[in-house]
Amino acid sequence: MSSYLPDISCYELLTIIGKGFEELMTVNLAQYKPSGEFVTVRRVNLEACTNEMVAFLQGELHVSKFFSHPNLVPYKAAFIADNELWVVTSFMAYGSAKDLIRTHFMDGMSELAMAYILQGVLKALDYIHHMGYVHR
């Protein structure tokens, strides 16, 4: 994991690009001020989380720090700011496969494009399985 400062003043939140984790997580496009790099910041409202949810998040962060694979997005920093967990990752400009279909493949994706995406997913799953974990 490269060195990104665990300080909210180093990140300029630009726009909301998603939600998740039972609507307790907001995903922002942000800019890391020291380098100017665009990043994704996932902010989870910890006060609204159950103890089980917090334990799940801790487990996910703990496990994912051991992964190093080109088809997995590692986190650059994870820290608590006020009542929120902030997880900083690289910004994936093309988004998800759903985003790609909506923006670039409105008439459907070719078999070759689907095969390329699935190959990456399967390589990542194979890696995770060889590390002794199962993706749920």
N, C-alpha and C. Protein backbone atom coordinates (compact mmCIF):
# COMPACT_ATOMS: atom_id res chain seq x y z
N MET A 1 0.86 -1.17 0.00
CA MET A 1 0.00 0.00 0.00
C MET A 1 0.90 1.23 0.00
N SER A 2 0.70 2.15 -0.95
CA SER A 2 1.50 3.36 -0.96
C SER A 2 1.07 4.25 0.20
N SER A 3 1.89 5.23 0.47
CA SER A 3 1.70 6.07 1.64
C SER A 3 0.74 7.22 1.34
N TYR A 4 -0.46 7.12 1.82
CA TYR A 4 -1.45 8.19 1.72
C TYR A 4 -1.78 8.60 3.13
N LEU A 5 -1.85 9.90 3.35
CA LEU A 5 -2.05 10.40 4.71
C LEU A 5 -3.46 10.13 5.21
N PRO A 6 -3.59 9.68 6.46
CA PRO A 6 -4.90 9.44 7.06
C PRO A 6 -5.46 10.72 7.68
N ASP A 7 -5.71 11.72 6.85
CA ASP A 7 -6.12 13.03 7.31
C ASP A 7 -7.12 13.59 6.30
N ILE A 8 -8.35 13.86 6.77
CA ILE A 8 -9.39 14.30 5.83
C ILE A 8 -9.04 15.61 5.14
N SER A 9 -8.18 16.43 5.74
CA SER A 9 -7.82 17.70 5.10
C SER A 9 -6.98 17.48 3.84
N CYS A 10 -6.47 16.27 3.64
CA CYS A 10 -5.67 15.95 2.44
C CYS A 10 -6.54 15.54 1.26
N TYR A 11 -7.86 15.44 1.47
CA TYR A 11 -8.76 14.95 0.43
C TYR A 11 -9.84 15.99 0.17
N GLU A 12 -10.03 16.32 -1.10
CA GLU A 12 -11.13 17.19 -1.48
C GLU A 12 -12.22 16.31 -2.10
N LEU A 13 -13.35 16.19 -1.40
CA LEU A 13 -14.46 15.40 -1.91
C LEU A 13 -15.13 16.19 -3.03
N LEU A 14 -15.24 15.57 -4.21
CA LEU A 14 -15.73 16.28 -5.39
C LEU A 14 -17.20 16.00 -5.68
N THR A 15 -17.57 14.75 -5.79
CA THR A 15 -18.95 14.40 -6.12
C THR A 15 -19.25 13.00 -5.62
N ILE A 16 -20.51 12.74 -5.36
CA ILE A 16 -20.94 11.40 -4.96
C ILE A 16 -21.08 10.56 -6.22
N ILE A 17 -20.42 9.39 -6.24
CA ILE A 17 -20.51 8.52 -7.41
C ILE A 17 -21.18 7.19 -7.08
N GLY A 18 -21.59 7.01 -5.82
CA GLY A 18 -22.27 5.77 -5.48
C GLY A 18 -22.67 5.70 -4.02
N LYS A 19 -23.43 4.68 -3.72
CA LYS A 19 -23.88 4.37 -2.36
C LYS A 19 -23.73 2.88 -2.18
N GLY A 20 -23.74 2.42 -0.95
CA GLY A 20 -23.66 0.99 -0.71
C GLY A 20 -23.72 0.65 0.76
N PHE A 21 -23.45 -0.61 1.05
CA PHE A 21 -23.43 -1.14 2.42
C PHE A 21 -24.70 -0.72 3.16
N GLU A 22 -25.83 -1.16 2.60
CA GLU A 22 -27.15 -0.87 3.17
C GLU A 22 -27.39 0.63 3.32
N GLU A 23 -26.93 1.40 2.33
CA GLU A 23 -27.08 2.86 2.29
C GLU A 23 -26.30 3.59 3.39
N LEU A 24 -25.41 2.88 4.10
CA LEU A 24 -24.59 3.52 5.13
C LEU A 24 -23.27 4.03 4.57
N MET A 25 -22.96 3.67 3.32
CA MET A 25 -21.71 4.07 2.71
C MET A 25 -21.99 5.03 1.55
N THR A 26 -21.21 6.11 1.53
CA THR A 26 -21.24 7.04 0.41
C THR A 26 -19.89 6.94 -0.29
N VAL A 27 -19.92 6.82 -1.61
CA VAL A 27 -18.69 6.72 -2.40
C VAL A 27 -18.50 8.04 -3.13
N ASN A 28 -17.36 8.67 -2.87
CA ASN A 28 -17.05 9.96 -3.48
C ASN A 28 -15.86 9.87 -4.41
N LEU A 29 -15.94 10.61 -5.52
CA LEU A 29 -14.74 10.93 -6.28
C LEU A 29 -14.08 12.04 -5.48
N ALA A 30 -12.78 11.93 -5.27
CA ALA A 30 -12.06 12.93 -4.49
C ALA A 30 -10.70 13.18 -5.13
N GLN A 31 -10.07 14.24 -4.68
CA GLN A 31 -8.71 14.52 -5.12
C GLN A 31 -7.81 14.51 -3.90
N TYR A 32 -6.72 13.73 -4.02
CA TYR A 32 -5.72 13.68 -2.97
C TYR A 32 -4.83 14.90 -3.16
N LYS A 33 -4.94 15.88 -2.27
CA LYS A 33 -4.31 17.19 -2.47
C LYS A 33 -2.78 17.14 -2.60
N PRO A 34 -2.06 16.33 -1.80
CA PRO A 34 -0.60 16.35 -1.94
C PRO A 34 -0.08 16.00 -3.34
N SER A 35 -0.80 15.11 -4.06
CA SER A 35 -0.32 14.70 -5.38
C SER A 35 -1.22 15.17 -6.52
N GLY A 36 -2.44 15.58 -6.19
CA GLY A 36 -3.41 15.95 -7.23
C GLY A 36 -4.12 14.76 -7.84
N GLU A 37 -3.80 13.55 -7.39
CA GLU A 37 -4.38 12.32 -7.95
C GLU A 37 -5.86 12.21 -7.59
N PHE A 38 -6.65 11.73 -8.56
CA PHE A 38 -8.05 11.43 -8.29
C PHE A 38 -8.13 10.07 -7.62
N VAL A 39 -8.93 9.98 -6.57
CA VAL A 39 -9.10 8.75 -5.81
C VAL A 39 -10.59 8.57 -5.53
N THR A 40 -10.92 7.40 -5.03
CA THR A 40 -12.26 7.12 -4.56
C THR A 40 -12.21 7.04 -3.05
N VAL A 41 -13.14 7.73 -2.39
CA VAL A 41 -13.23 7.67 -0.93
C VAL A 41 -14.58 7.06 -0.57
N ARG A 42 -14.51 5.92 0.11
CA ARG A 42 -15.72 5.28 0.61
C ARG A 42 -15.86 5.70 2.07
N ARG A 43 -16.97 6.36 2.39
CA ARG A 43 -17.20 6.83 3.75
C ARG A 43 -18.38 6.07 4.35
N VAL A 44 -18.12 5.41 5.48
CA VAL A 44 -19.16 4.62 6.14
C VAL A 44 -19.51 5.29 7.46
N ASN A 45 -20.79 5.56 7.66
CA ASN A 45 -21.28 6.14 8.91
C ASN A 45 -21.26 5.06 9.99
N LEU A 46 -20.25 5.09 10.85
CA LEU A 46 -20.08 4.04 11.86
C LEU A 46 -21.14 4.10 12.95
N GLU A 47 -21.67 5.28 13.24
CA GLU A 47 -22.69 5.40 14.28
C GLU A 47 -23.97 4.66 13.90
N ALA A 48 -24.22 4.52 12.62
CA ALA A 48 -25.43 3.83 12.16
C ALA A 48 -25.20 2.33 11.97
N CYS A 49 -23.97 1.87 12.13
CA CYS A 49 -23.64 0.45 11.94
C CYS A 49 -23.89 -0.35 13.21
N THR A 50 -24.31 -1.58 13.03
CA THR A 50 -24.39 -2.50 14.16
C THR A 50 -22.99 -3.01 14.49
N ASN A 51 -22.84 -3.64 15.64
CA ASN A 51 -21.54 -4.23 16.00
C ASN A 51 -21.11 -5.26 14.97
N GLU A 52 -22.07 -6.01 14.42
CA GLU A 52 -21.76 -7.02 13.41
C GLU A 52 -21.23 -6.36 12.13
N MET A 53 -21.82 -5.24 11.76
CA MET A 53 -21.35 -4.52 10.56
C MET A 53 -19.93 -4.01 10.75
N VAL A 54 -19.65 -3.46 11.93
CA VAL A 54 -18.30 -2.95 12.20
C VAL A 54 -17.30 -4.10 12.16
N ALA A 55 -17.67 -5.24 12.76
CA ALA A 55 -16.78 -6.41 12.73
C ALA A 55 -16.54 -6.88 11.30
N PHE A 56 -17.58 -6.86 10.48
CA PHE A 56 -17.45 -7.24 9.07
C PHE A 56 -16.47 -6.31 8.35
N LEU A 57 -16.63 -5.01 8.54
CA LEU A 57 -15.75 -4.03 7.90
C LEU A 57 -14.30 -4.22 8.34
N GLN A 58 -14.09 -4.44 9.64
CA GLN A 58 -12.74 -4.68 10.14
C GLN A 58 -12.14 -5.92 9.49
N GLY A 59 -12.92 -6.97 9.39
CA GLY A 59 -12.44 -8.21 8.78
C GLY A 59 -12.09 -8.02 7.31
N GLU A 60 -12.94 -7.31 6.57
CA GLU A 60 -12.68 -7.06 5.15
C GLU A 60 -11.39 -6.27 4.95
N LEU A 61 -11.20 -5.23 5.76
CA LEU A 61 -9.98 -4.43 5.63
C LEU A 61 -8.74 -5.24 6.01
N HIS A 62 -8.87 -6.03 7.06
CA HIS A 62 -7.74 -6.85 7.50
C HIS A 62 -7.32 -7.85 6.42
N VAL A 63 -8.29 -8.55 5.87
CA VAL A 63 -8.00 -9.56 4.85
C VAL A 63 -7.47 -8.93 3.57
N SER A 64 -8.09 -7.84 3.14
CA SER A 64 -7.72 -7.26 1.84
C SER A 64 -6.32 -6.67 1.83
N LYS A 65 -5.77 -6.33 2.99
CA LYS A 65 -4.41 -5.77 2.97
C LYS A 65 -3.36 -6.81 2.60
N PHE A 66 -3.72 -8.10 2.65
CA PHE A 66 -2.79 -9.16 2.27
C PHE A 66 -2.83 -9.47 0.77
N PHE A 67 -3.82 -8.94 0.07
CA PHE A 67 -3.98 -9.23 -1.35
C PHE A 67 -3.15 -8.28 -2.21
N SER A 68 -2.52 -8.84 -3.22
CA SER A 68 -1.78 -8.04 -4.19
C SER A 68 -1.94 -8.71 -5.55
N HIS A 69 -2.85 -8.18 -6.35
CA HIS A 69 -3.16 -8.78 -7.64
C HIS A 69 -3.62 -7.66 -8.58
N PRO A 70 -3.24 -7.71 -9.85
CA PRO A 70 -3.61 -6.62 -10.78
C PRO A 70 -5.11 -6.48 -11.02
N ASN A 71 -5.90 -7.50 -10.70
CA ASN A 71 -7.34 -7.42 -10.91
C ASN A 71 -8.11 -7.11 -9.63
N LEU A 72 -7.40 -6.77 -8.57
CA LEU A 72 -8.03 -6.36 -7.32
C LEU A 72 -7.59 -4.93 -7.01
N VAL A 73 -8.52 -4.13 -6.52
CA VAL A 73 -8.21 -2.73 -6.20
C VAL A 73 -7.84 -2.65 -4.72
N PRO A 74 -6.57 -2.40 -4.42
CA PRO A 74 -6.18 -2.30 -3.00
C PRO A 74 -6.55 -0.93 -2.44
N TYR A 75 -6.67 -0.87 -1.12
CA TYR A 75 -6.92 0.44 -0.54
C TYR A 75 -5.59 1.13 -0.26
N LYS A 76 -5.58 2.45 -0.41
CA LYS A 76 -4.38 3.26 -0.21
C LYS A 76 -4.29 3.77 1.22
N ALA A 77 -5.44 3.94 1.86
CA ALA A 77 -5.50 4.39 3.25
C ALA A 77 -6.85 4.00 3.81
N ALA A 78 -6.89 3.77 5.11
CA ALA A 78 -8.14 3.52 5.81
C ALA A 78 -7.99 4.15 7.20
N PHE A 79 -8.96 4.99 7.55
CA PHE A 79 -8.85 5.68 8.84
C PHE A 79 -10.24 6.14 9.29
N ILE A 80 -10.32 6.50 10.57
CA ILE A 80 -11.56 7.00 11.14
C ILE A 80 -11.48 8.52 11.18
N ALA A 81 -12.52 9.18 10.69
CA ALA A 81 -12.63 10.64 10.74
C ALA A 81 -14.01 10.96 11.30
N ASP A 82 -14.03 11.58 12.46
CA ASP A 82 -15.28 11.84 13.17
C ASP A 82 -16.00 10.51 13.39
N ASN A 83 -17.19 10.37 12.88
CA ASN A 83 -17.95 9.12 13.06
C ASN A 83 -17.93 8.25 11.81
N GLU A 84 -16.96 8.50 10.91
CA GLU A 84 -16.94 7.78 9.64
C GLU A 84 -15.64 7.00 9.45
N LEU A 85 -15.79 5.83 8.83
CA LEU A 85 -14.64 5.09 8.32
C LEU A 85 -14.40 5.59 6.91
N TRP A 86 -13.19 6.02 6.62
CA TRP A 86 -12.80 6.44 5.27
C TRP A 86 -11.88 5.38 4.69
N VAL A 87 -12.21 4.88 3.51
CA VAL A 87 -11.35 3.93 2.80
C VAL A 87 -11.04 4.55 1.44
N VAL A 88 -9.75 4.77 1.20
CA VAL A 88 -9.29 5.45 -0.01
C VAL A 88 -8.73 4.42 -0.98
N THR A 89 -9.22 4.43 -2.22
CA THR A 89 -8.72 3.53 -3.26
C THR A 89 -8.45 4.34 -4.53
N SER A 90 -7.78 3.71 -5.48
CA SER A 90 -7.59 4.34 -6.78
C SER A 90 -8.95 4.58 -7.42
N PHE A 91 -9.04 5.62 -8.21
CA PHE A 91 -10.27 5.91 -8.96
C PHE A 91 -10.23 5.13 -10.26
N MET A 92 -11.22 4.29 -10.48
CA MET A 92 -11.32 3.51 -11.71
C MET A 92 -12.25 4.27 -12.65
N ALA A 93 -11.66 5.02 -13.55
CA ALA A 93 -12.39 5.99 -14.38
C ALA A 93 -13.51 5.37 -15.20
N TYR A 94 -13.36 4.12 -15.64
CA TYR A 94 -14.41 3.51 -16.45
C TYR A 94 -15.55 2.95 -15.61
N GLY A 95 -15.36 2.85 -14.30
CA GLY A 95 -16.41 2.38 -13.42
C GLY A 95 -16.60 0.87 -13.50
N SER A 96 -17.80 0.44 -13.20
CA SER A 96 -18.14 -0.98 -13.20
C SER A 96 -18.51 -1.45 -14.61
N ALA A 97 -18.72 -2.75 -14.76
CA ALA A 97 -19.18 -3.28 -16.04
C ALA A 97 -20.54 -2.66 -16.40
N LYS A 98 -21.37 -2.47 -15.40
CA LYS A 98 -22.68 -1.83 -15.63
C LYS A 98 -22.48 -0.41 -16.18
N ASP A 99 -21.53 0.33 -15.59
CA ASP A 99 -21.24 1.68 -16.08
C ASP A 99 -20.74 1.65 -17.52
N LEU A 100 -19.87 0.69 -17.83
CA LEU A 100 -19.35 0.56 -19.20
C LEU A 100 -20.47 0.31 -20.20
N ILE A 101 -21.38 -0.58 -19.85
CA ILE A 101 -22.51 -0.89 -20.74
C ILE A 101 -23.36 0.36 -20.95
N ARG A 102 -23.63 1.07 -19.87
CA ARG A 102 -24.49 2.26 -19.94
C ARG A 102 -23.85 3.38 -20.76
N THR A 103 -22.50 3.52 -20.69
CA THR A 103 -21.86 4.66 -21.34
C THR A 103 -21.21 4.35 -22.68
N HIS A 104 -20.70 3.12 -22.87
CA HIS A 104 -19.95 2.82 -24.08
C HIS A 104 -20.52 1.68 -24.93
N PHE A 105 -21.38 0.88 -24.34
CA PHE A 105 -21.92 -0.29 -25.07
C PHE A 105 -23.44 -0.30 -24.97
N MET A 106 -24.06 0.80 -25.38
CA MET A 106 -25.51 0.92 -25.24
C MET A 106 -26.27 -0.16 -26.00
N ASP A 107 -25.69 -0.68 -27.06
CA ASP A 107 -26.34 -1.73 -27.85
C ASP A 107 -25.90 -3.13 -27.42
N GLY A 108 -25.18 -3.21 -26.32
CA GLY A 108 -24.70 -4.51 -25.84
C GLY A 108 -23.20 -4.65 -26.04
N MET A 109 -22.63 -5.50 -25.26
CA MET A 109 -21.19 -5.73 -25.28
C MET A 109 -20.87 -6.91 -26.18
N SER A 110 -19.77 -6.82 -26.88
CA SER A 110 -19.35 -7.94 -27.73
C SER A 110 -18.90 -9.10 -26.86
N GLU A 111 -18.89 -10.29 -27.45
CA GLU A 111 -18.41 -11.46 -26.71
C GLU A 111 -16.96 -11.27 -26.27
N LEU A 112 -16.17 -10.65 -27.12
CA LEU A 112 -14.76 -10.43 -26.80
C LEU A 112 -14.60 -9.52 -25.57
N ALA A 113 -15.38 -8.45 -25.53
CA ALA A 113 -15.32 -7.53 -24.38
C ALA A 113 -15.77 -8.24 -23.10
N MET A 114 -16.87 -9.01 -23.19
CA MET A 114 -17.35 -9.77 -22.03
C MET A 114 -16.31 -10.78 -21.58
N ALA A 115 -15.69 -11.46 -22.53
CA ALA A 115 -14.67 -12.46 -22.20
C ALA A 115 -13.49 -11.82 -21.49
N TYR A 116 -13.09 -10.64 -21.95
CA TYR A 116 -11.96 -9.94 -21.35
C TYR A 116 -12.27 -9.57 -19.89
N ILE A 117 -13.47 -9.04 -19.64
CA ILE A 117 -13.87 -8.67 -18.28
C ILE A 117 -13.95 -9.91 -17.41
N LEU A 118 -14.61 -10.95 -17.91
CA LEU A 118 -14.75 -12.18 -17.12
C LEU A 118 -13.41 -12.84 -16.85
N GLN A 119 -12.49 -12.77 -17.79
CA GLN A 119 -11.16 -13.33 -17.57
C GLN A 119 -10.49 -12.64 -16.37
N GLY A 120 -10.61 -11.32 -16.29
CA GLY A 120 -10.04 -10.58 -15.16
C GLY A 120 -10.69 -10.95 -13.84
N VAL A 121 -12.02 -11.08 -13.85
CA VAL A 121 -12.75 -11.48 -12.65
C VAL A 121 -12.31 -12.87 -12.20
N LEU A 122 -12.23 -13.80 -13.15
CA LEU A 122 -11.85 -15.17 -12.81
C LEU A 122 -10.41 -15.26 -12.31
N LYS A 123 -9.51 -14.47 -12.87
CA LYS A 123 -8.13 -14.45 -12.38
C LYS A 123 -8.09 -13.95 -10.94
N ALA A 124 -8.87 -12.92 -10.64
CA ALA A 124 -8.92 -12.39 -9.28
C ALA A 124 -9.51 -13.41 -8.32
N LEU A 125 -10.60 -14.07 -8.72
CA LEU A 125 -11.20 -15.10 -7.87
C LEU A 125 -10.24 -16.26 -7.64
N ASP A 126 -9.54 -16.67 -8.67
CA ASP A 126 -8.56 -17.75 -8.54
C ASP A 126 -7.48 -17.36 -7.53
N TYR A 127 -7.01 -16.14 -7.63
CA TYR A 127 -5.99 -15.65 -6.70
C TYR A 127 -6.52 -15.68 -5.26
N ILE A 128 -7.73 -15.15 -5.06
CA ILE A 128 -8.32 -15.12 -3.72
C ILE A 128 -8.47 -16.53 -3.17
N HIS A 129 -8.93 -17.46 -4.01
CA HIS A 129 -9.10 -18.85 -3.57
C HIS A 129 -7.75 -19.47 -3.22
N HIS A 130 -6.72 -19.19 -4.01
CA HIS A 130 -5.39 -19.73 -3.70
C HIS A 130 -4.82 -19.14 -2.41
N MET A 131 -5.31 -17.97 -2.02
CA MET A 131 -4.90 -17.35 -0.76
C MET A 131 -5.68 -17.94 0.42
N GLY A 132 -6.65 -18.81 0.11
CA GLY A 132 -7.42 -19.47 1.16
C GLY A 132 -8.71 -18.77 1.54
N TYR A 133 -9.17 -17.85 0.71
CA TYR A 133 -10.40 -17.11 1.00
C TYR A 133 -11.45 -17.38 -0.07
N VAL A 134 -12.71 -17.14 0.31
CA VAL A 134 -13.82 -17.30 -0.62
C VAL A 134 -14.53 -15.96 -0.70
N HIS A 135 -14.78 -15.48 -1.92
CA HIS A 135 -15.53 -14.24 -2.12
C HIS A 135 -17.00 -14.55 -1.98
N ARG A 136 -17.71 -13.72 -1.22
CA ARG A 136 -19.15 -13.93 -1.06
C ARG A 136 -19.93 -12.88 -1.80
